């Protein structure tokens, strides 16, 4: 077992999952992860006996699988918080609790996987076949996770008076995804994305592009920043992220309804466009920041491209 990689995975999964719990349950959780250990069929049988509620899902593209094991009382409390915003004192799950827990399990496990993929610099992979089993089935976990499963007990707490113990499980195959530069991390926080900033000259160049009549002079030197640039820095502008665009006839638009799918002609690995006041100024990659979509700027477009985007 690659112990440093396993530690990174367990902490990353729980960081993402508890970020989602915080948002959905309106609580502030803290957690502490124990040692990661190999878990064969016998070990999984013992874990499921102690923590019989199983939240599990498979990562797309055969990258592996993840699971959380909980005690029924803790699971019932989370289910009640998700539905009513009030904790439950029940020590067993009914059908309504399982349904509510499934609504939490899918985004929580997905958030954990997303946190890992972002940290590893990989494309975000989605979970599929997310399920809540109560009681759990150790044989099903062996089939899902593979023979080389990893397990780590962890404790968690949140005010008022909500604390417990659970187990995080994941496939051995995830260890191969951990890059070398992630093994030395001592924190569960993902490294911040490098901030892309604009120089005064770039800002002046962008602002000049809002004039539809602007012309780019080939071979001209860099435009100097005006001394009074600070006077316009507080002006509010509308920034829009554009995934793609498509022209549709009126008849098709009138036929749109819930469940309709529109192809926007944008490849999944292409950068999205950032428009300011409707003018293209940059391109970037979609990222997730505190459970919200964001854009990591990878390119500031030239003045010529901005002028062409206005035509």
Protein backbone atom coordinates (compact mmCIF):
# COMPACT_ATOMS: atom_id res chain seq x y z
CA UNK A 1 0.00 0.00 0.00
CA UNK A 2 1.22 3.50 -0.83
CA UNK A 3 0.57 5.01 2.60
CA UNK A 4 1.24 8.69 1.69
CA UNK A 5 -1.03 8.46 -1.37
CA UNK A 6 -3.74 6.68 0.63
CA UNK A 7 -3.65 9.44 3.25
CA UNK A 8 -4.00 12.15 0.59
CA UNK A 9 -6.99 10.31 -0.89
CA UNK A 10 -8.81 9.73 2.40
CA UNK A 11 -8.35 13.33 3.53
CA UNK A 12 -9.29 14.72 0.12
CA UNK A 13 -12.47 12.66 -0.10
CA UNK A 14 -13.59 13.71 3.37
CA UNK A 15 -12.72 17.36 2.81
CA UNK A 16 -14.96 17.49 -0.24
CA UNK A 17 -17.74 15.49 1.38
CA UNK A 18 -17.87 17.62 4.54
CA UNK A 19 -17.80 20.83 2.51
CA UNK A 20 -21.01 19.58 0.92
CA UNK A 21 -22.47 18.52 4.27
CA UNK A 22 -21.74 22.00 5.63
CA UNK A 23 -23.60 23.61 2.75
CA UNK A 24 -26.59 21.24 2.60
CA UNK A 25 -27.14 20.81 6.33
CA UNK A 26 -26.29 24.38 7.40
CA UNK A 27 -23.75 23.10 9.92
CA UNK A 28 -20.03 23.44 10.37
CA UNK A 29 -18.41 20.01 10.63
CA UNK A 30 -14.92 19.21 11.80
CA UNK A 31 -13.36 15.81 11.30
CA UNK A 32 -10.22 13.87 12.09
CA UNK A 33 -9.01 11.00 9.95
CA UNK A 34 -7.29 7.93 11.36
CA UNK A 35 -4.74 5.62 9.78
CA UNK A 36 -5.56 4.19 6.37
CA UNK A 37 -5.38 0.39 6.27
CA UNK A 38 -5.90 -2.32 3.63
CA UNK A 39 -9.36 -3.85 3.84
CA UNK A 40 -9.87 -7.37 2.55
CA UNK A 41 -13.21 -9.19 2.49
CA UNK A 42 -12.96 -10.17 6.17
CA UNK A 43 -12.12 -6.62 7.24
CA UNK A 44 -15.03 -5.22 5.20
CA UNK A 45 -17.38 -7.74 6.80
CA UNK A 46 -16.31 -6.51 10.24
CA UNK A 47 -16.64 -2.85 9.26
CA UNK A 48 -20.10 -3.29 7.79
CA UNK A 49 -21.19 -5.07 10.95
CA UNK A 50 -20.16 -2.05 13.04
CA UNK A 51 -21.25 0.60 10.49
CA UNK A 52 -24.17 -0.97 8.59
CA UNK A 53 -25.31 2.08 6.59
CA UNK A 54 -23.33 2.25 3.33
CA UNK A 55 -23.20 5.23 0.95
CA UNK A 56 -21.37 4.14 -2.19
CA UNK A 57 -20.69 5.09 -5.78
CA UNK A 58 -18.52 4.19 -8.76
CA UNK A 59 -16.27 6.73 -10.47
CA UNK A 60 -16.76 6.90 -14.22
CA UNK A 61 -14.13 5.64 -16.67
CA UNK A 62 -13.32 2.72 -14.36
CA UNK A 63 -11.14 4.83 -12.07
CA UNK A 64 -12.40 3.08 -8.94
CA UNK A 65 -15.09 3.52 -6.33
CA UNK A 66 -15.68 5.25 -2.99
CA UNK A 67 -17.94 4.64 0.00
CA UNK A 68 -18.85 5.98 3.42
CA UNK A 69 -19.95 3.66 6.23
CA UNK A 70 -22.06 5.09 9.05
CA UNK A 71 -24.02 4.01 12.09
CA UNK A 72 -27.83 4.10 11.70
CA UNK A 73 -28.34 6.83 14.30
CA UNK A 74 -25.88 9.19 12.62
CA UNK A 75 -27.33 8.42 9.19
CA UNK A 76 -30.86 9.07 10.44
CA UNK A 77 -29.77 12.40 11.92
CA UNK A 78 -28.22 13.50 8.63
CA UNK A 79 -31.35 12.44 6.75
CA UNK A 80 -33.57 14.43 9.14
CA UNK A 81 -31.34 17.49 8.86
CA UNK A 82 -31.53 17.30 5.07
CA UNK A 83 -35.34 17.21 5.11
CA UNK A 84 -36.44 19.26 8.13
CA UNK A 85 -33.32 21.06 9.26
CA UNK A 86 -33.75 19.39 12.67
CA UNK A 87 -31.75 16.45 14.04
CA UNK A 88 -33.44 13.11 14.69
CA UNK A 89 -33.02 10.89 17.72
CA UNK A 90 -33.94 7.72 15.81
CA UNK A 91 -31.53 4.82 15.87
CA UNK A 92 -32.79 3.15 12.68
CA UNK A 93 -33.57 4.20 9.11
CA UNK A 94 -36.97 3.95 7.45
CA UNK A 95 -37.69 4.23 3.71
CA UNK A 96 -38.09 8.02 3.88
CA UNK A 97 -34.74 8.33 5.64
CA UNK A 98 -33.04 6.21 2.97
CA UNK A 99 -34.50 8.38 0.21
CA UNK A 100 -33.37 11.57 1.96
CA UNK A 101 -29.93 10.11 2.62
CA UNK A 102 -29.56 9.23 -1.06
CA UNK A 103 -30.23 12.89 -1.94
CA UNK A 104 -27.28 13.81 0.28
CA UNK A 105 -25.01 10.87 -0.59
CA UNK A 106 -24.77 11.57 -4.31
CA UNK A 107 -23.52 15.18 -4.06
CA UNK A 108 -21.40 14.47 -0.96
CA UNK A 109 -19.48 11.58 -2.54
CA UNK A 110 -19.32 13.50 -5.80
CA UNK A 111 -17.89 16.52 -4.00
CA UNK A 112 -15.21 14.33 -2.45
CA UNK A 113 -14.21 12.91 -5.83
CA UNK A 114 -14.25 16.39 -7.42
CA UNK A 115 -11.97 17.69 -4.68
CA UNK A 116 -9.50 14.89 -5.41
CA UNK A 117 -9.52 15.35 -9.18
CA UNK A 118 -9.01 19.11 -8.85
CA UNK A 119 -6.12 18.52 -6.48
CA UNK A 120 -4.57 16.00 -8.88
CA UNK A 121 -4.95 18.34 -11.88
CA UNK A 122 -7.30 15.93 -13.66
CA UNK A 123 -10.61 16.36 -15.40
CA UNK A 124 -13.53 16.05 -13.01
CA UNK A 125 -15.02 12.57 -13.17
CA UNK A 126 -18.65 11.95 -12.27
CA UNK A 127 -20.03 9.28 -9.97
CA UNK A 128 -22.50 6.73 -11.23
CA UNK A 129 -24.75 4.15 -9.61
CA UNK A 130 -24.76 5.97 -6.25
CA UNK A 131 -26.65 3.89 -3.67
CA UNK A 132 -27.52 3.81 0.01
CA UNK A 133 -27.57 0.30 1.50
CA UNK A 134 -29.00 -0.38 4.95
CA UNK A 135 -27.94 -2.88 6.02
CA UNK A 136 -24.82 -2.89 3.90
CA UNK A 137 -23.49 -5.92 2.07
CA UNK A 138 -19.77 -6.64 2.47
CA UNK A 139 -19.74 -8.84 -0.65
CA UNK A 140 -21.18 -5.98 -2.71
CA UNK A 141 -18.45 -3.68 -1.39
CA UNK A 142 -15.74 -6.16 -2.38
CA UNK A 143 -17.19 -6.31 -5.87
CA UNK A 144 -17.41 -2.51 -6.05
CA UNK A 145 -14.06 -1.56 -4.53
CA UNK A 146 -11.97 -4.50 -5.69
CA UNK A 147 -9.76 -6.78 -3.64
CA UNK A 148 -7.34 -3.98 -2.71
CA UNK A 149 -9.76 -1.73 -0.86
CA UNK A 150 -8.52 0.90 1.60
CA UNK A 151 -10.32 1.92 4.79
CA UNK A 152 -9.88 4.73 7.32
CA UNK A 153 -11.96 5.37 10.41
CA UNK A 154 -12.69 9.03 11.11
CA UNK A 155 -14.47 11.02 13.78
CA UNK A 156 -16.65 14.05 13.12
CA UNK A 157 -18.54 16.63 15.11
CA UNK A 158 -20.80 19.61 14.59
CA UNK A 159 -22.69 21.86 16.97
CA UNK A 160 -25.07 21.44 18.60
CA UNK A 161 -24.02 18.10 20.06
CA UNK A 162 -23.65 16.13 16.83
CA UNK A 163 -20.60 13.90 16.89
CA UNK A 164 -19.87 10.40 15.71
CA UNK A 165 -17.54 7.98 14.00
CA UNK A 166 -17.63 6.59 10.47
CA UNK A 167 -15.43 4.94 7.83
CA UNK A 168 -14.26 6.08 4.41
CA UNK A 169 -13.46 3.41 1.79
CA UNK A 170 -11.87 3.67 -1.64
CA UNK A 171 -10.33 1.50 -4.33
CA UNK A 172 -6.61 0.81 -4.40
CA UNK A 173 -6.55 2.04 -8.02
CA UNK A 174 -7.01 5.64 -6.88
CA UNK A 175 -3.50 5.62 -5.42
CA UNK A 176 -2.06 5.53 -8.95
CA UNK A 177 -3.72 8.89 -9.69
CA UNK A 178 -1.91 10.79 -6.95
CA UNK A 179 0.87 12.95 -8.44
CA UNK A 180 4.25 13.11 -6.74
CA UNK A 181 3.86 16.77 -5.81
CA UNK A 182 0.71 15.96 -3.82
CA UNK A 183 2.42 13.44 -1.54
CA UNK A 184 4.18 16.09 0.51
CA UNK A 185 1.03 18.02 1.35
CA UNK A 186 0.39 18.37 5.08
CA UNK A 187 -3.02 19.95 4.82
CA UNK A 188 -6.38 18.75 3.61
CA UNK A 189 -6.87 22.00 1.73
CA UNK A 190 -6.26 21.78 -2.03
CA UNK A 191 -3.54 24.09 -3.30
CA UNK A 192 -4.95 27.42 -4.46
CA UNK A 193 -5.08 27.99 -8.18
CA UNK A 194 -2.52 30.44 -9.48
CA UNK A 195 -4.19 33.82 -9.62
CA UNK A 196 -4.32 35.42 -13.06
CA UNK A 197 -4.10 39.21 -12.86
CA UNK A 198 -4.17 41.94 -15.49
CA UNK A 199 -1.48 44.56 -15.77
CA UNK A 200 -2.44 48.21 -16.21
CA UNK A 201 -1.47 47.92 -19.87
CA UNK A 202 -3.71 44.85 -20.36
CA UNK A 203 -6.60 46.61 -18.63
CA UNK A 204 -6.18 49.62 -20.92
CA UNK A 205 -6.04 47.28 -23.91
CA UNK A 206 -9.28 45.56 -22.84
CA UNK A 207 -11.11 48.83 -22.20
CA UNK A 208 -10.08 50.12 -25.60
CA UNK A 209 -11.66 47.03 -27.13
CA UNK A 210 -15.13 48.18 -25.99
CA UNK A 211 -14.97 50.79 -28.74
CA UNK A 212 -16.32 48.97 -31.82
CA UNK A 213 -14.31 51.30 -34.03
CA UNK A 214 -11.02 50.51 -32.38
CA UNK A 215 -8.25 49.34 -34.71
CA UNK A 216 -5.17 47.33 -33.88
CA UNK A 217 -2.03 48.78 -35.40
CA UNK A 218 0.34 46.04 -36.58
CA UNK A 219 3.77 46.42 -35.07
CA UNK A 220 2.68 49.09 -32.63
CA UNK A 221 4.26 49.10 -29.20
CA UNK A 222 2.49 48.39 -25.95
CA UNK A 223 -0.17 50.95 -25.08
CA UNK A 224 0.93 52.93 -22.03
CA UNK A 225 -1.42 52.96 -19.06
CA UNK A 226 -3.07 56.35 -18.50
CA UNK A 227 -2.30 58.13 -15.26
CA UNK A 228 -6.00 58.32 -14.34
CA UNK A 229 -6.75 54.60 -14.76
CA UNK A 230 -7.81 54.38 -11.10
CA UNK A 231 -10.84 56.56 -11.89
CA UNK A 232 -12.53 53.72 -13.83
CA UNK A 233 -11.58 50.71 -11.70
CA UNK A 234 -14.81 50.89 -9.65
CA UNK A 235 -17.10 50.85 -12.71
CA UNK A 236 -19.37 47.79 -12.58
CA UNK A 237 -19.21 45.47 -15.60
CA UNK A 238 -21.18 42.30 -16.33
CA UNK A 239 -18.93 39.21 -16.65
CA UNK A 240 -20.45 36.14 -18.34
CA UNK A 241 -19.07 32.64 -18.82
CA UNK A 242 -20.13 31.19 -22.19
CA UNK A 243 -20.06 27.42 -22.64
CA UNK A 244 -21.06 27.62 -26.29
CA UNK A 245 -23.63 29.06 -28.67
CA UNK A 246 -26.07 27.76 -31.26
CA UNK A 247 -28.60 29.29 -33.65
CA UNK A 248 -32.08 27.77 -33.41
CA UNK A 249 -35.14 28.40 -35.55
CA UNK A 250 -38.14 29.84 -33.75
CA UNK A 251 -40.07 26.59 -34.18
CA UNK A 252 -37.48 24.58 -32.25
CA UNK A 253 -37.35 27.18 -29.49
CA UNK A 254 -41.13 27.04 -29.08
CA UNK A 255 -40.92 23.25 -28.77
CA UNK A 256 -38.39 23.34 -25.92
CA UNK A 257 -39.51 21.94 -22.59
CA UNK A 258 -38.17 20.22 -19.46
CA UNK A 259 -35.84 17.42 -20.50
CA UNK A 260 -34.94 18.97 -23.87
CA UNK A 261 -31.25 18.72 -24.77
CA UNK A 262 -29.50 21.36 -26.87
CA UNK A 263 -26.08 20.72 -28.35
CA UNK A 264 -24.05 23.93 -28.13
CA UNK A 265 -21.15 22.78 -30.29
CA UNK A 266 -18.59 22.97 -27.49
CA UNK A 267 -16.14 20.11 -26.93
CA UNK A 268 -15.76 18.94 -23.33
CA UNK A 269 -11.99 19.64 -23.31
CA UNK A 270 -12.25 23.12 -24.85
CA UNK A 271 -11.88 26.20 -22.64
CA UNK A 272 -14.97 28.28 -21.89
CA UNK A 273 -15.15 31.94 -22.91
CA UNK A 274 -15.29 34.88 -20.53
CA UNK A 275 -17.22 37.89 -21.82
CA UNK A 276 -17.31 41.32 -20.18
CA UNK A 277 -20.27 43.45 -21.23
CA UNK A 278 -20.78 40.97 -24.05
CA UNK A 279 -17.20 41.29 -25.36
CA UNK A 280 -14.82 38.30 -25.38
CA UNK A 281 -11.76 39.07 -23.24
CA UNK A 282 -10.45 35.73 -21.97
CA UNK A 283 -10.69 31.95 -22.01
CA UNK A 284 -10.27 29.49 -19.17
CA UNK A 285 -11.03 26.13 -17.59
CA UNK A 286 -14.03 25.38 -15.40
CA UNK A 287 -13.11 24.71 -11.75
CA UNK A 288 -15.07 24.18 -8.54
CA UNK A 289 -14.37 26.61 -5.70
CA UNK A 290 -16.24 26.09 -2.41
CA UNK A 291 -18.97 24.13 -4.20
CA UNK A 292 -19.45 26.87 -6.80
CA UNK A 293 -18.37 26.89 -10.44
CA UNK A 294 -15.53 29.21 -11.36
CA UNK A 295 -13.13 29.87 -14.24
CA UNK A 296 -9.36 29.59 -14.07
CA UNK A 297 -8.08 32.10 -16.64
CA UNK A 298 -5.66 30.50 -19.11
CA UNK A 299 -5.61 33.10 -21.88
CA UNK A 300 -6.26 36.83 -22.33
CA UNK A 301 -7.39 37.30 -25.93
CA UNK A 302 -5.81 39.85 -28.22
CA UNK A 303 -7.43 43.15 -29.18
CA UNK A 304 -7.96 41.84 -32.72
CA UNK A 305 -9.96 38.87 -31.46
CA UNK A 306 -12.09 41.18 -29.31
CA UNK A 307 -12.85 43.39 -32.29
CA UNK A 308 -13.72 40.35 -34.44
CA UNK A 309 -16.07 39.08 -31.70
CA UNK A 310 -18.10 42.29 -32.02
CA UNK A 311 -18.80 41.78 -35.70
